[in-house]
Protein backbone atom coordinates (compact mmCIF):
# COMPACT_ATOMS: atom_id res chain seq x y z
CA MET A 1 16.83 -9.58 1.33
CA LEU A 2 18.46 -6.44 2.73
CA ASP A 3 21.47 -7.18 0.52
CA HIS A 4 19.22 -7.22 -2.54
CA PHE A 5 17.62 -3.94 -1.47
CA CYS A 6 21.07 -2.33 -1.08
CA GLN A 7 22.19 -3.61 -4.50
CA ALA A 8 18.99 -2.38 -6.17
CA HIS A 9 19.36 1.01 -4.45
CA GLN A 10 22.93 1.33 -5.73
CA ALA A 11 21.92 0.32 -9.26
CA ALA A 12 18.89 2.61 -9.43
CA LEU A 13 20.20 5.70 -7.67
CA GLY A 14 23.95 5.41 -8.00
CA GLU A 15 24.39 5.73 -4.25
CA ALA A 16 24.96 3.23 -1.47
CA TYR A 17 21.92 2.70 0.74
CA PRO A 18 22.55 4.10 4.24
CA VAL A 19 21.36 1.08 6.25
CA VAL A 20 19.75 1.93 9.56
CA GLY A 21 20.37 -1.46 11.16
CA GLY A 22 17.83 -1.48 13.95
CA ARG A 23 15.02 0.12 11.94
CA ASP A 24 15.57 -1.70 8.65
CA GLY A 25 16.17 -5.07 10.29
CA THR A 26 13.02 -4.76 12.40
CA VAL A 27 10.90 -3.75 9.43
CA ILE A 28 12.13 -6.72 7.39
CA LYS A 29 11.52 -9.16 10.25
CA ARG A 30 7.92 -7.95 10.51
CA LEU A 31 7.14 -8.77 6.88
CA PRO A 32 4.46 -11.43 6.51
CA GLN A 33 5.86 -14.93 6.17
CA SER A 34 3.64 -15.42 3.11
CA TYR A 35 6.18 -13.50 1.02
CA ASP A 36 9.14 -15.65 0.08
CA VAL A 37 12.55 -14.11 -0.60
CA ALA A 38 12.22 -14.43 -4.39
CA LYS A 39 8.86 -12.60 -4.34
CA LEU A 40 10.25 -9.84 -2.11
CA CYS A 41 13.29 -9.41 -4.37
CA ALA A 42 10.98 -9.06 -7.38
CA LEU A 43 8.93 -6.48 -5.46
CA ILE A 44 12.11 -4.58 -4.55
CA ASP A 45 13.03 -4.44 -8.24
CA ARG A 46 9.51 -3.20 -9.07
CA PHE A 47 9.77 -0.59 -6.26
CA PHE A 48 12.94 0.90 -7.71
CA ALA A 49 11.56 0.75 -11.25
CA SER A 50 8.51 2.73 -10.09
CA LEU A 51 10.47 5.47 -8.34
CA GLY A 52 10.71 7.54 -11.51
CA ALA A 53 6.94 7.81 -11.60
CA ASP A 54 6.41 8.32 -7.88
CA ASP A 55 7.68 11.80 -7.04
CA PHE A 56 6.32 11.68 -3.49
CA VAL A 57 8.29 8.58 -2.50
CA ARG A 58 11.42 9.67 -4.37
CA GLU A 59 11.50 13.25 -3.13
CA LYS A 60 9.75 13.23 0.25
CA ILE A 61 10.15 9.77 1.75
CA GLY A 62 13.16 8.41 -0.07
CA ALA A 63 14.02 4.94 -1.26
CA THR A 64 14.14 3.33 2.16
CA VAL A 65 13.19 -0.10 3.46
CA PRO A 66 10.17 1.32 5.36
CA ALA A 67 9.03 3.14 2.18
CA PHE A 68 9.31 -0.13 0.24
CA VAL A 69 7.33 -2.06 2.83
CA GLY A 70 4.67 0.65 2.84
CA LYS A 71 4.25 0.23 -0.92
CA ILE A 72 4.09 -3.58 -1.02
CA SER A 73 0.33 -3.61 -1.42
CA ALA A 74 0.46 -1.18 -4.35
CA LEU A 75 3.36 -3.07 -5.91
CA LEU A 76 1.45 -6.34 -5.69
CA GLY A 77 -1.41 -4.74 -7.61
CA GLN A 78 0.78 -3.46 -10.44
CA GLY A 79 0.46 -5.48 -13.59
CA LYS A 80 -2.63 -7.32 -12.42
CA GLY A 81 -5.08 -5.22 -14.44
CA SER A 82 -7.31 -2.59 -13.02
CA ILE A 83 -9.78 -3.27 -10.28
CA ALA A 84 -12.96 -1.35 -10.79
CA VAL A 85 -16.53 -1.53 -9.67
CA SER A 86 -18.92 -1.54 -12.57
CA ALA A 87 -21.34 1.36 -12.52
CA SER A 88 -24.09 -0.89 -13.84
CA ARG A 89 -23.67 -3.35 -11.00
CA PRO A 90 -25.56 -2.25 -7.89
CA THR A 91 -23.68 -2.23 -4.63
CA GLN A 92 -25.23 -3.52 -1.46
CA SER A 93 -25.47 -1.19 1.51
CA ARG A 94 -24.32 -2.41 4.91
CA LEU A 95 -27.07 -0.46 6.62
CA PRO A 96 -30.65 -1.69 6.51
CA ASP A 97 -33.16 0.40 4.60
CA PHE A 98 -35.57 2.40 6.70
CA GLU A 99 -38.41 4.71 5.98
CA ILE A 100 -38.89 8.21 7.36
CA THR A 101 -42.44 8.47 8.60
CA GLU A 102 -44.64 11.52 9.05
CA GLU A 103 -44.43 10.97 12.83
CA MET A 104 -40.65 11.33 12.68
CA ILE A 105 -40.90 14.53 10.66
CA GLN A 106 -43.47 16.05 13.03
CA GLY A 107 -41.33 15.19 16.07
CA GLY A 108 -44.01 13.08 17.72
CA ARG A 109 -41.33 10.74 19.05
CA LYS A 110 -37.75 11.46 20.09
CA TYR A 111 -35.05 9.38 18.52
CA SER A 112 -31.52 9.14 19.78
């Protein structure tokens, strides 16, 4: 997989990727086992294709293995359609509803 990343880096940026063996190898080993090599290679290709649109990664972070791994979630979402919450669909609060009573307002009981 690191070989594919290096090849994609060379093709996209015209420069050899400066492998940082310990860092890059460790990051790759920590990838979830649920991603097979073919899927990761496709995501690497998508990562380099998206660099033109992502100024922050291109200019500030760089096209590195850690930057790629940090964008996997976003890359997985690309091309899947947008995920949006409908405004007409009510959302359920995690907190139970409560009512403010006159006693609370008047300070008849201390709450902490």
